[in-house]
mmCIF file of all heavy atoms, coordinates in Angstrom:
data_MODEL
# 
_entry.id   MODEL 
# 
loop_
_atom_site.group_PDB 
_atom_site.id 
_atom_site.type_symbol 
_atom_site.label_atom_id 
_atom_site.label_alt_id 
_atom_site.label_comp_id 
_atom_site.label_asym_id 
_atom_site.label_entity_id 
_atom_site.label_seq_id 
_atom_site.pdbx_PDB_ins_code 
_atom_site.Cartn_x 
_atom_site.Cartn_y 
_atom_site.Cartn_z 
_atom_site.occupancy 
_atom_site.B_iso_or_equiv 
_atom_site.pdbx_formal_charge 
_atom_site.auth_seq_id 
_atom_site.auth_comp_id 
_atom_site.auth_asym_id 
_atom_site.auth_atom_id 
_atom_site.pdbx_PDB_model_num 
ATOM 1   N N   . ILE A 1 1  ? -29.147 -17.385 -47.363 1.00 0.00 ? 1  ILE A N   1 
ATOM 2   C CA  . ILE A 1 1  ? -28.118 -18.379 -47.056 1.00 0.00 ? 1  ILE A CA  1 
ATOM 3   C C   . ILE A 1 1  ? -27.335 -17.972 -45.815 1.00 0.00 ? 1  ILE A C   1 
ATOM 4   O O   . ILE A 1 1  ? -26.954 -18.817 -44.995 1.00 0.00 ? 1  ILE A O   1 
ATOM 5   C CB  . ILE A 1 1  ? -27.195 -18.615 -48.274 1.00 0.00 ? 1  ILE A CB  1 
ATOM 6   C CG1 . ILE A 1 1  ? -26.441 -19.941 -48.119 1.00 0.00 ? 1  ILE A CG1 1 
ATOM 7   C CG2 . ILE A 1 1  ? -26.230 -17.467 -48.501 1.00 0.00 ? 1  ILE A CG2 1 
ATOM 8   C CD1 . ILE A 1 1  ? -27.332 -21.163 -48.133 1.00 0.00 ? 1  ILE A CD1 1 
ATOM 9   N N   . GLY A 1 2  ? -27.097 -16.672 -45.639 1.00 0.00 ? 2  GLY A N   1 
ATOM 10  C CA  . GLY A 1 2  ? -26.378 -16.221 -44.452 1.00 0.00 ? 2  GLY A CA  1 
ATOM 11  C C   . GLY A 1 2  ? -27.139 -16.504 -43.175 1.00 0.00 ? 2  GLY A C   1 
ATOM 12  O O   . GLY A 1 2  ? -26.591 -17.018 -42.197 1.00 0.00 ? 2  GLY A O   1 
ATOM 13  N N   . TYR A 1 3  ? -28.425 -16.191 -43.159 1.00 0.00 ? 3  TYR A N   1 
ATOM 14  C CA  . TYR A 1 3  ? -29.249 -16.463 -41.977 1.00 0.00 ? 3  TYR A CA  1 
ATOM 15  C C   . TYR A 1 3  ? -29.426 -17.969 -41.754 1.00 0.00 ? 3  TYR A C   1 
ATOM 16  O O   . TYR A 1 3  ? -29.481 -18.425 -40.614 1.00 0.00 ? 3  TYR A O   1 
ATOM 17  C CB  . TYR A 1 3  ? -30.625 -15.803 -42.122 1.00 0.00 ? 3  TYR A CB  1 
ATOM 18  C CG  . TYR A 1 3  ? -30.604 -14.301 -42.149 1.00 0.00 ? 3  TYR A CG  1 
ATOM 19  C CD1 . TYR A 1 3  ? -31.540 -13.581 -42.892 1.00 0.00 ? 3  TYR A CD1 1 
ATOM 20  C CD2 . TYR A 1 3  ? -29.651 -13.576 -41.434 1.00 0.00 ? 3  TYR A CD2 1 
ATOM 21  C CE1 . TYR A 1 3  ? -31.533 -12.192 -42.913 1.00 0.00 ? 3  TYR A CE1 1 
ATOM 22  C CE2 . TYR A 1 3  ? -29.636 -12.200 -41.448 1.00 0.00 ? 3  TYR A CE2 1 
ATOM 23  C CZ  . TYR A 1 3  ? -30.577 -11.501 -42.200 1.00 0.00 ? 3  TYR A CZ  1 
ATOM 24  O OH  . TYR A 1 3  ? -30.559 -10.129 -42.215 1.00 0.00 ? 3  TYR A OH  1 
ATOM 25  N N   . SER A 1 4  ? -29.528 -18.727 -42.848 1.00 0.00 ? 4  SER A N   1 
ATOM 26  C CA  . SER A 1 4  ? -29.658 -20.181 -42.712 1.00 0.00 ? 4  SER A CA  1 
ATOM 27  C C   . SER A 1 4  ? -28.459 -20.773 -42.003 1.00 0.00 ? 4  SER A C   1 
ATOM 28  O O   . SER A 1 4  ? -28.591 -21.664 -41.156 1.00 0.00 ? 4  SER A O   1 
ATOM 29  C CB  . SER A 1 4  ? -29.829 -20.823 -44.097 1.00 0.00 ? 4  SER A CB  1 
ATOM 30  O OG  . SER A 1 4  ? -31.014 -20.401 -44.724 1.00 0.00 ? 4  SER A OG  1 
ATOM 31  N N   . PHE A 1 5  ? -27.270 -20.287 -42.373 1.00 0.00 ? 5  PHE A N   1 
ATOM 32  C CA  . PHE A 1 5  ? -26.043 -20.784 -41.743 1.00 0.00 ? 5  PHE A CA  1 
ATOM 33  C C   . PHE A 1 5  ? -25.920 -20.321 -40.300 1.00 0.00 ? 5  PHE A C   1 
ATOM 34  O O   . PHE A 1 5  ? -25.391 -21.029 -39.450 1.00 0.00 ? 5  PHE A O   1 
ATOM 35  C CB  . PHE A 1 5  ? -24.823 -20.285 -42.533 1.00 0.00 ? 5  PHE A CB  1 
ATOM 36  C CG  . PHE A 1 5  ? -24.579 -21.007 -43.830 1.00 0.00 ? 5  PHE A CG  1 
ATOM 37  C CD1 . PHE A 1 5  ? -25.505 -21.892 -44.357 1.00 0.00 ? 5  PHE A CD1 1 
ATOM 38  C CD2 . PHE A 1 5  ? -23.408 -20.792 -44.535 1.00 0.00 ? 5  PHE A CD2 1 
ATOM 39  C CE1 . PHE A 1 5  ? -25.277 -22.548 -45.549 1.00 0.00 ? 5  PHE A CE1 1 
ATOM 40  C CE2 . PHE A 1 5  ? -23.159 -21.451 -45.736 1.00 0.00 ? 5  PHE A CE2 1 
ATOM 41  C CZ  . PHE A 1 5  ? -24.100 -22.329 -46.247 1.00 0.00 ? 5  PHE A CZ  1 
ATOM 42  N N   . ALA A 1 6  ? -26.402 -19.098 -40.020 1.00 0.00 ? 6  ALA A N   1 
ATOM 43  C CA  . ALA A 1 6  ? -26.102 -18.465 -38.734 1.00 0.00 ? 6  ALA A CA  1 
ATOM 44  C C   . ALA A 1 6  ? -27.173 -18.639 -37.666 1.00 0.00 ? 6  ALA A C   1 
ATOM 45  O O   . ALA A 1 6  ? -26.875 -18.494 -36.465 1.00 0.00 ? 6  ALA A O   1 
ATOM 46  C CB  . ALA A 1 6  ? -25.867 -16.963 -38.958 1.00 0.00 ? 6  ALA A CB  1 
ATOM 47  N N   . PHE A 1 7  ? -28.410 -18.928 -38.035 1.00 0.00 ? 7  PHE A N   1 
ATOM 48  C CA  . PHE A 1 7  ? -29.529 -18.880 -37.103 1.00 0.00 ? 7  PHE A CA  1 
ATOM 49  C C   . PHE A 1 7  ? -29.301 -19.772 -35.880 1.00 0.00 ? 7  PHE A C   1 
ATOM 50  O O   . PHE A 1 7  ? -29.463 -19.353 -34.720 1.00 0.00 ? 7  PHE A O   1 
ATOM 51  C CB  . PHE A 1 7  ? -30.815 -19.274 -37.823 1.00 0.00 ? 7  PHE A CB  1 
ATOM 52  C CG  . PHE A 1 7  ? -32.073 -19.051 -37.034 1.00 0.00 ? 7  PHE A CG  1 
ATOM 53  C CD1 . PHE A 1 7  ? -32.183 -18.006 -36.128 1.00 0.00 ? 7  PHE A CD1 1 
ATOM 54  C CD2 . PHE A 1 7  ? -33.165 -19.884 -37.213 1.00 0.00 ? 7  PHE A CD2 1 
ATOM 55  C CE1 . PHE A 1 7  ? -33.348 -17.794 -35.410 1.00 0.00 ? 7  PHE A CE1 1 
ATOM 56  C CE2 . PHE A 1 7  ? -34.345 -19.688 -36.496 1.00 0.00 ? 7  PHE A CE2 1 
ATOM 57  C CZ  . PHE A 1 7  ? -34.431 -18.639 -35.599 1.00 0.00 ? 7  PHE A CZ  1 
ATOM 58  N N   . GLY A 1 8  ? -28.912 -21.018 -36.117 1.00 0.00 ? 8  GLY A N   1 
ATOM 59  C CA  . GLY A 1 8  ? -28.685 -21.936 -35.000 1.00 0.00 ? 8  GLY A CA  1 
ATOM 60  C C   . GLY A 1 8  ? -27.563 -21.477 -34.090 1.00 0.00 ? 8  GLY A C   1 
ATOM 61  O O   . GLY A 1 8  ? -27.650 -21.610 -32.856 1.00 0.00 ? 8  GLY A O   1 
ATOM 62  N N   . LEU A 1 9  ? -26.506 -20.914 -34.676 1.00 0.00 ? 9  LEU A N   1 
ATOM 63  C CA  . LEU A 1 9  ? -25.382 -20.435 -33.873 1.00 0.00 ? 9  LEU A CA  1 
ATOM 64  C C   . LEU A 1 9  ? -25.795 -19.250 -33.002 1.00 0.00 ? 9  LEU A C   1 
ATOM 65  O O   . LEU A 1 9  ? -25.368 -19.131 -31.849 1.00 0.00 ? 9  LEU A O   1 
ATOM 66  C CB  . LEU A 1 9  ? -24.224 -20.034 -34.794 1.00 0.00 ? 9  LEU A CB  1 
ATOM 67  C CG  . LEU A 1 9  ? -23.546 -21.179 -35.551 1.00 0.00 ? 9  LEU A CG  1 
ATOM 68  C CD1 . LEU A 1 9  ? -22.496 -20.636 -36.517 1.00 0.00 ? 9  LEU A CD1 1 
ATOM 69  C CD2 . LEU A 1 9  ? -22.912 -22.167 -34.588 1.00 0.00 ? 9  LEU A CD2 1 
ATOM 70  N N   . VAL A 1 10 ? -26.646 -18.358 -33.554 1.00 0.00 ? 10 VAL A N   1 
ATOM 71  C CA  . VAL A 1 10 ? -27.121 -17.223 -32.761 1.00 0.00 ? 10 VAL A CA  1 
ATOM 72  C C   . VAL A 1 10 ? -27.977 -17.710 -31.590 1.00 0.00 ? 10 VAL A C   1 
ATOM 73  O O   . VAL A 1 10 ? -27.868 -17.217 -30.459 1.00 0.00 ? 10 VAL A O   1 
ATOM 74  C CB  . VAL A 1 10 ? -27.915 -16.239 -33.642 1.00 0.00 ? 10 VAL A CB  1 
ATOM 75  C CG1 . VAL A 1 10 ? -28.548 -15.142 -32.788 1.00 0.00 ? 10 VAL A CG1 1 
ATOM 76  C CG2 . VAL A 1 10 ? -27.007 -15.614 -34.700 1.00 0.00 ? 10 VAL A CG2 1 
ATOM 77  N N   . LEU A 1 11 ? -28.825 -18.695 -31.842 1.00 0.00 ? 11 LEU A N   1 
ATOM 78  C CA  . LEU A 1 11 ? -29.685 -19.217 -30.780 1.00 0.00 ? 11 LEU A CA  1 
ATOM 79  C C   . LEU A 1 11 ? -28.872 -19.821 -29.636 1.00 0.00 ? 11 LEU A C   1 
ATOM 80  O O   . LEU A 1 11 ? -29.213 -19.657 -28.459 1.00 0.00 ? 11 LEU A O   1 
ATOM 81  C CB  . LEU A 1 11 ? -30.642 -20.271 -31.342 1.00 0.00 ? 11 LEU A CB  1 
ATOM 82  C CG  . LEU A 1 11 ? -31.754 -19.752 -32.274 1.00 0.00 ? 11 LEU A CG  1 
ATOM 83  C CD1 . LEU A 1 11 ? -32.553 -20.918 -32.833 1.00 0.00 ? 11 LEU A CD1 1 
ATOM 84  C CD2 . LEU A 1 11 ? -32.668 -18.785 -31.542 1.00 0.00 ? 11 LEU A CD2 1 
ATOM 85  N N   . THR A 1 12 ? -27.779 -20.514 -29.973 1.00 0.00 ? 12 THR A N   1 
ATOM 86  C CA  . THR A 1 12 ? -26.960 -21.117 -28.916 1.00 0.00 ? 12 THR A CA  1 
ATOM 87  C C   . THR A 1 12 ? -26.063 -20.084 -28.240 1.00 0.00 ? 12 THR A C   1 
ATOM 88  O O   . THR A 1 12 ? -25.910 -20.098 -27.014 1.00 0.00 ? 12 THR A O   1 
ATOM 89  C CB  . THR A 1 12 ? -26.092 -22.265 -29.483 1.00 0.00 ? 12 THR A CB  1 
ATOM 90  O OG1 . THR A 1 12 ? -25.297 -21.773 -30.573 1.00 0.00 ? 12 THR A OG1 1 
ATOM 91  C CG2 . THR A 1 12 ? -26.957 -23.398 -29.983 1.00 0.00 ? 12 THR A CG2 1 
ATOM 92  N N   . ALA A 1 13 ? -25.481 -19.171 -29.015 1.00 0.00 ? 13 ALA A N   1 
ATOM 93  C CA  . ALA A 1 13 ? -24.505 -18.227 -28.460 1.00 0.00 ? 13 ALA A CA  1 
ATOM 94  C C   . ALA A 1 13 ? -25.159 -17.050 -27.750 1.00 0.00 ? 13 ALA A C   1 
ATOM 95  O O   . ALA A 1 13 ? -24.667 -16.579 -26.718 1.00 0.00 ? 13 ALA A O   1 
ATOM 96  C CB  . ALA A 1 13 ? -23.580 -17.717 -29.567 1.00 0.00 ? 13 ALA A CB  1 
ATOM 97  N N   . GLN A 1 14 ? -26.285 -16.530 -28.283 1.00 0.00 ? 14 GLN A N   1 
ATOM 98  C CA  . GLN A 1 14 ? -26.898 -15.335 -27.715 1.00 0.00 ? 14 GLN A CA  1 
ATOM 99  C C   . GLN A 1 14 ? -28.038 -15.665 -26.758 1.00 0.00 ? 14 GLN A C   1 
ATOM 100 O O   . GLN A 1 14 ? -28.251 -14.943 -25.776 1.00 0.00 ? 14 GLN A O   1 
ATOM 101 C CB  . GLN A 1 14 ? -27.411 -14.424 -28.833 1.00 0.00 ? 14 GLN A CB  1 
ATOM 102 C CG  . GLN A 1 14 ? -28.004 -13.101 -28.324 1.00 0.00 ? 14 GLN A CG  1 
ATOM 103 C CD  . GLN A 1 14 ? -28.254 -12.113 -29.454 1.00 0.00 ? 14 GLN A CD  1 
ATOM 104 O OE1 . GLN A 1 14 ? -27.613 -12.171 -30.489 1.00 0.00 ? 14 GLN A OE1 1 
ATOM 105 N NE2 . GLN A 1 14 ? -29.186 -11.208 -29.253 1.00 0.00 ? 14 GLN A NE2 1 
ATOM 106 N N   . PHE A 1 15 ? -28.772 -16.726 -27.039 1.00 0.00 ? 15 PHE A N   1 
ATOM 107 C CA  . PHE A 1 15 ? -29.938 -17.049 -26.224 1.00 0.00 ? 15 PHE A CA  1 
ATOM 108 C C   . PHE A 1 15 ? -29.769 -18.316 -25.389 1.00 0.00 ? 15 PHE A C   1 
ATOM 109 O O   . PHE A 1 15 ? -30.709 -18.744 -24.711 1.00 0.00 ? 15 PHE A O   1 
ATOM 110 C CB  . PHE A 1 15 ? -31.183 -17.176 -27.112 1.00 0.00 ? 15 PHE A CB  1 
ATOM 111 C CG  . PHE A 1 15 ? -31.647 -15.863 -27.680 1.00 0.00 ? 15 PHE A CG  1 
ATOM 112 C CD1 . PHE A 1 15 ? -31.212 -15.431 -28.921 1.00 0.00 ? 15 PHE A CD1 1 
ATOM 113 C CD2 . PHE A 1 15 ? -32.493 -15.034 -26.955 1.00 0.00 ? 15 PHE A CD2 1 
ATOM 114 C CE1 . PHE A 1 15 ? -31.625 -14.217 -29.447 1.00 0.00 ? 15 PHE A CE1 1 
ATOM 115 C CE2 . PHE A 1 15 ? -32.909 -13.817 -27.462 1.00 0.00 ? 15 PHE A CE2 1 
ATOM 116 C CZ  . PHE A 1 15 ? -32.471 -13.403 -28.706 1.00 0.00 ? 15 PHE A CZ  1 
ATOM 117 N N   . GLY A 1 16 ? -28.571 -18.914 -25.415 1.00 0.00 ? 16 GLY A N   1 
ATOM 118 C CA  . GLY A 1 16 ? -28.266 -20.026 -24.534 1.00 0.00 ? 16 GLY A CA  1 
ATOM 119 C C   . GLY A 1 16 ? -29.061 -21.293 -24.786 1.00 0.00 ? 16 GLY A C   1 
ATOM 120 O O   . GLY A 1 16 ? -29.234 -22.114 -23.886 1.00 0.00 ? 16 GLY A O   1 
ATOM 121 N N   . ARG A 1 17 ? -29.529 -21.492 -26.027 1.00 0.00 ? 17 ARG A N   1 
ATOM 122 C CA  . ARG A 1 17 ? -30.268 -22.717 -26.332 1.00 0.00 ? 17 ARG A CA  1 
ATOM 123 C C   . ARG A 1 17 ? -29.322 -23.906 -26.422 1.00 0.00 ? 17 ARG A C   1 
ATOM 124 O O   . ARG A 1 17 ? -28.171 -23.782 -26.838 1.00 0.00 ? 17 ARG A O   1 
ATOM 125 C CB  . ARG A 1 17 ? -31.010 -22.609 -27.660 1.00 0.00 ? 17 ARG A CB  1 
ATOM 126 C CG  . ARG A 1 17 ? -32.037 -21.494 -27.767 1.00 0.00 ? 17 ARG A CG  1 
ATOM 127 C CD  . ARG A 1 17 ? -33.193 -21.690 -26.789 1.00 0.00 ? 17 ARG A CD  1 
ATOM 128 N NE  . ARG A 1 17 ? -32.943 -20.998 -25.528 1.00 0.00 ? 17 ARG A NE  1 
ATOM 129 C CZ  . ARG A 1 17 ? -33.760 -21.039 -24.480 1.00 0.00 ? 17 ARG A CZ  1 
ATOM 130 N NH1 . ARG A 1 17 ? -34.871 -21.755 -24.532 1.00 0.00 ? 17 ARG A NH1 1 
ATOM 131 N NH2 . ARG A 1 17 ? -33.466 -20.367 -23.384 1.00 0.00 ? 17 ARG A NH2 1 
ATOM 132 N N   . THR A 1 18 ? -29.782 -25.087 -26.015 1.00 0.00 ? 18 THR A N   1 
ATOM 133 C CA  . THR A 1 18 ? -29.002 -26.311 -26.168 1.00 0.00 ? 18 THR A CA  1 
ATOM 134 C C   . THR A 1 18 ? -29.001 -26.709 -27.640 1.00 0.00 ? 18 THR A C   1 
ATOM 135 O O   . THR A 1 18 ? -29.826 -26.230 -28.431 1.00 0.00 ? 18 THR A O   1 
ATOM 136 C CB  . THR A 1 18 ? -29.604 -27.454 -25.344 1.00 0.00 ? 18 THR A CB  1 
ATOM 137 O OG1 . THR A 1 18 ? -30.888 -27.802 -25.909 1.00 0.00 ? 18 THR A OG1 1 
ATOM 138 C CG2 . THR A 1 18 ? -29.765 -27.056 -23.884 1.00 0.00 ? 18 THR A CG2 1 
ATOM 139 N N   . PRO A 1 19 ? -28.078 -27.621 -28.067 1.00 0.00 ? 19 PRO A N   1 
ATOM 140 C CA  . PRO A 1 19 ? -28.093 -28.067 -29.465 1.00 0.00 ? 19 PRO A CA  1 
ATOM 141 C C   . PRO A 1 19 ? -29.450 -28.598 -29.910 1.00 0.00 ? 19 PRO A C   1 
ATOM 142 O O   . PRO A 1 19 ? -29.905 -28.300 -31.014 1.00 0.00 ? 19 PRO A O   1 
ATOM 143 C CB  . PRO A 1 19 ? -27.018 -29.151 -29.487 1.00 0.00 ? 19 PRO A CB  1 
ATOM 144 C CG  . PRO A 1 19 ? -26.053 -28.742 -28.431 1.00 0.00 ? 19 PRO A CG  1 
ATOM 145 C CD  . PRO A 1 19 ? -26.903 -28.153 -27.344 1.00 0.00 ? 19 PRO A CD  1 
ATOM 146 N N   . LEU A 1 20 ? -30.116 -29.378 -29.065 1.00 0.00 ? 20 LEU A N   1 
ATOM 147 C CA  . LEU A 1 20 ? -31.413 -29.936 -29.434 1.00 0.00 ? 20 LEU A CA  1 
ATOM 148 C C   . LEU A 1 20 ? -32.459 -28.834 -29.548 1.00 0.00 ? 20 LEU A C   1 
ATOM 149 O O   . LEU A 1 20 ? -33.277 -28.822 -30.491 1.00 0.00 ? 20 LEU A O   1 
ATOM 150 C CB  . LEU A 1 20 ? -31.861 -30.976 -28.406 1.00 0.00 ? 20 LEU A CB  1 
ATOM 151 C CG  . LEU A 1 20 ? -33.213 -31.656 -28.683 1.00 0.00 ? 20 LEU A CG  1 
ATOM 152 C CD1 . LEU A 1 20 ? -33.185 -32.356 -30.042 1.00 0.00 ? 20 LEU A CD1 1 
ATOM 153 C CD2 . LEU A 1 20 ? -33.557 -32.639 -27.566 1.00 0.00 ? 20 LEU A CD2 1 
ATOM 154 N N   . GLN A 1 21 ? -32.450 -27.881 -28.607 1.00 0.00 ? 21 GLN A N   1 
ATOM 155 C CA  . GLN A 1 21 ? -33.406 -26.771 -28.668 1.00 0.00 ? 21 GLN A CA  1 
ATOM 156 C C   . GLN A 1 21 ? -33.184 -25.922 -29.923 1.00 0.00 ? 21 GLN A C   1 
ATOM 157 O O   . GLN A 1 21 ? -34.144 -25.507 -30.587 1.00 0.00 ? 21 GLN A O   1 
ATOM 158 C CB  . GLN A 1 21 ? -33.281 -25.910 -27.418 1.00 0.00 ? 21 GLN A CB  1 
ATOM 159 C CG  . GLN A 1 21 ? -33.792 -26.579 -26.153 1.00 0.00 ? 21 GLN A CG  1 
ATOM 160 C CD  . GLN A 1 21 ? -33.430 -25.798 -24.892 1.00 0.00 ? 21 GLN A CD  1 
ATOM 161 O OE1 . GLN A 1 21 ? -32.413 -25.093 -24.850 1.00 0.00 ? 21 GLN A OE1 1 
ATOM 162 N NE2 . GLN A 1 21 ? -34.254 -25.921 -23.853 1.00 0.00 ? 21 GLN A NE2 1 
ATOM 163 N N   . ALA A 1 22 ? -31.914 -25.650 -30.242 1.00 0.00 ? 22 ALA A N   1 
ATOM 164 C CA  . ALA A 1 22 ? -31.610 -24.853 -31.435 1.00 0.00 ? 22 ALA A CA  1 
ATOM 165 C C   . ALA A 1 22 ? -32.008 -25.602 -32.705 1.00 0.00 ? 22 ALA A C   1 
ATOM 166 O O   . ALA A 1 22 ? -32.625 -25.033 -33.612 1.00 0.00 ? 22 ALA A O   1 
ATOM 167 C CB  . ALA A 1 22 ? -30.123 -24.508 -31.467 1.00 0.00 ? 22 ALA A CB  1 
ATOM 168 N N   . ALA A 1 23 ? -31.667 -26.901 -32.772 1.00 0.00 ? 23 ALA A N   1 
ATOM 169 C CA  . ALA A 1 23 ? -31.972 -27.690 -33.965 1.00 0.00 ? 23 ALA A CA  1 
ATOM 170 C C   . ALA A 1 23 ? -33.464 -27.806 -34.193 1.00 0.00 ? 23 ALA A C   1 
ATOM 171 O O   . ALA A 1 23 ? -33.922 -27.933 -35.339 1.00 0.00 ? 23 ALA A O   1 
ATOM 172 C CB  . ALA A 1 23 ? -31.350 -29.082 -33.837 1.00 0.00 ? 23 ALA A CB  1 
ATOM 173 N N   . SER A 1 24 ? -34.260 -27.752 -33.108 1.00 0.00 ? 24 SER A N   1 
ATOM 174 C CA  . SER A 1 24 ? -35.712 -27.863 -33.263 1.00 0.00 ? 24 SER A CA  1 
ATOM 175 C C   . SER A 1 24 ? -36.324 -26.623 -33.888 1.00 0.00 ? 24 SER A C   1 
ATOM 176 O O   . SER A 1 24 ? -37.492 -26.633 -34.278 1.00 0.00 ? 24 SER A O   1 
ATOM 177 C CB  . SER A 1 24 ? -36.356 -28.127 -31.894 1.00 0.00 ? 24 SER A CB  1 
ATOM 178 O OG  . SER A 1 24 ? -36.219 -27.002 -31.042 1.00 0.00 ? 24 SER A OG  1 
ATOM 179 N N   . LEU A 1 25 ? -35.536 -25.532 -34.007 1.00 0.00 ? 25 LEU A N   1 
ATOM 180 C CA  . LEU A 1 25 ? -36.034 -24.279 -34.559 1.00 0.00 ? 25 LEU A CA  1 
ATOM 181 C C   . LEU A 1 25 ? -35.374 -23.875 -35.875 1.00 0.00 ? 25 LEU A C   1 
ATOM 182 O O   . LEU A 1 25 ? -35.997 -23.204 -36.703 1.00 0.00 ? 25 LEU A O   1 
ATOM 183 C CB  . LEU A 1 25 ? -35.822 -23.150 -33.543 1.00 0.00 ? 25 LEU A CB  1 
ATOM 184 C CG  . LEU A 1 25 ? -36.582 -23.265 -32.218 1.00 0.00 ? 25 LEU A CG  1 
ATOM 185 C CD1 . LEU A 1 25 ? -36.046 -22.241 -31.224 1.00 0.00 ? 25 LEU A CD1 1 
ATOM 186 C CD2 . LEU A 1 25 ? -38.073 -23.063 -32.433 1.00 0.00 ? 25 LEU A CD2 1 
ATOM 187 N N   . THR A 1 26 ? -34.124 -24.280 -36.063 1.00 0.00 ? 26 THR A N   1 
ATOM 188 C CA  . THR A 1 26 ? -33.350 -23.729 -37.177 1.00 0.00 ? 26 THR A CA  1 
ATOM 189 C C   . THR A 1 26 ? -33.910 -24.079 -38.548 1.00 0.00 ? 26 THR A C   1 
ATOM 190 O O   . THR A 1 26 ? -33.771 -23.303 -39.493 1.00 0.00 ? 26 THR A O   1 
ATOM 191 C CB  . THR A 1 26 ? -31.892 -24.193 -37.106 1.00 0.00 ? 26 THR A CB  1 
ATOM 192 O OG1 . THR A 1 26 ? -31.859 -25.626 -37.005 1.00 0.00 ? 26 THR A OG1 1 
ATOM 193 C CG2 . THR A 1 26 ? -31.167 -23.587 -35.926 1.00 0.00 ? 26 THR A CG2 1 
ATOM 194 N N   . PHE A 1 27 ? -34.538 -25.235 -38.700 1.00 0.00 ? 27 PHE A N   1 
ATOM 195 C CA  . PHE A 1 27 ? -34.995 -25.665 -40.019 1.00 0.00 ? 27 PHE A CA  1 
ATOM 196 C C   . PHE A 1 27 ? -36.251 -24.931 -40.476 1.00 0.00 ? 27 PHE A C   1 
ATOM 197 O O   . PHE A 1 27 ? -36.546 -24.898 -41.685 1.00 0.00 ? 27 PHE A O   1 
ATOM 198 C CB  . PHE A 1 27 ? -35.263 -27.176 -40.022 1.00 0.00 ? 27 PHE A CB  1 
ATOM 199 C CG  . PHE A 1 27 ? -36.520 -27.584 -39.302 1.00 0.00 ? 27 PHE A CG  1 
ATOM 200 C CD1 . PHE A 1 27 ? -37.709 -27.719 -39.989 1.00 0.00 ? 27 PHE A CD1 1 
ATOM 201 C CD2 . PHE A 1 27 ? -36.506 -27.806 -37.929 1.00 0.00 ? 27 PHE A CD2 1 
ATOM 202 C CE1 . PHE A 1 27 ? -38.869 -28.088 -39.331 1.00 0.00 ? 27 PHE A CE1 1 
ATOM 203 C CE2 . PHE A 1 27 ? -37.658 -28.179 -37.263 1.00 0.00 ? 27 PHE A CE2 1 
ATOM 204 C CZ  . PHE A 1 27 ? -38.854 -28.311 -37.967 1.00 0.00 ? 27 PHE A CZ  1 
ATOM 205 N N   . ILE A 1 28 ? -37.012 -24.328 -39.555 1.00 0.00 ? 28 ILE A N   1 
ATOM 206 C CA  . ILE A 1 28 ? -38.308 -23.760 -39.911 1.00 0.00 ? 28 ILE A CA  1 
ATOM 207 C C   . ILE A 1 28 ? -38.154 -22.601 -40.898 1.00 0.00 ? 28 ILE A C   1 
ATOM 208 O O   . ILE A 1 28 ? -38.842 -22.550 -41.934 1.00 0.00 ? 28 ILE A O   1 
ATOM 209 C CB  . ILE A 1 28 ? -39.056 -23.281 -38.647 1.00 0.00 ? 28 ILE A CB  1 
ATOM 210 C CG1 . ILE A 1 28 ? -39.312 -24.457 -37.709 1.00 0.00 ? 28 ILE A CG1 1 
ATOM 211 C CG2 . ILE A 1 28 ? -40.370 -22.608 -39.033 1.00 0.00 ? 28 ILE A CG2 1 
ATOM 212 C CD1 . ILE A 1 28 ? -39.897 -24.055 -36.358 1.00 0.00 ? 28 ILE A CD1 1 
ATOM 213 N N   . GLY A 1 29 ? -37.268 -21.660 -40.608 1.00 0.00 ? 29 GLY A N   1 
ATOM 214 C CA  . GLY A 1 29 ? -37.090 -20.509 -41.484 1.00 0.00 ? 29 GLY A CA  1 
ATOM 215 C C   . GLY A 1 29 ? -36.620 -20.886 -42.879 1.00 0.00 ? 29 GLY A C   1 
ATOM 216 O O   . GLY A 1 29 ? -37.243 -20.485 -43.870 1.00 0.00 ? 29 GLY A O   1 
# 
C-alpha cells in the first residue's frame, strides 16, 4: 500500500515524469 500510494509521486518528483507519463506506469505494479 505504501508503494502504491508513492510510486507515481516518486516518478514525477525524482524522475521528472509528466502526470500522464506517471499515470501510464503507476497502475502496473
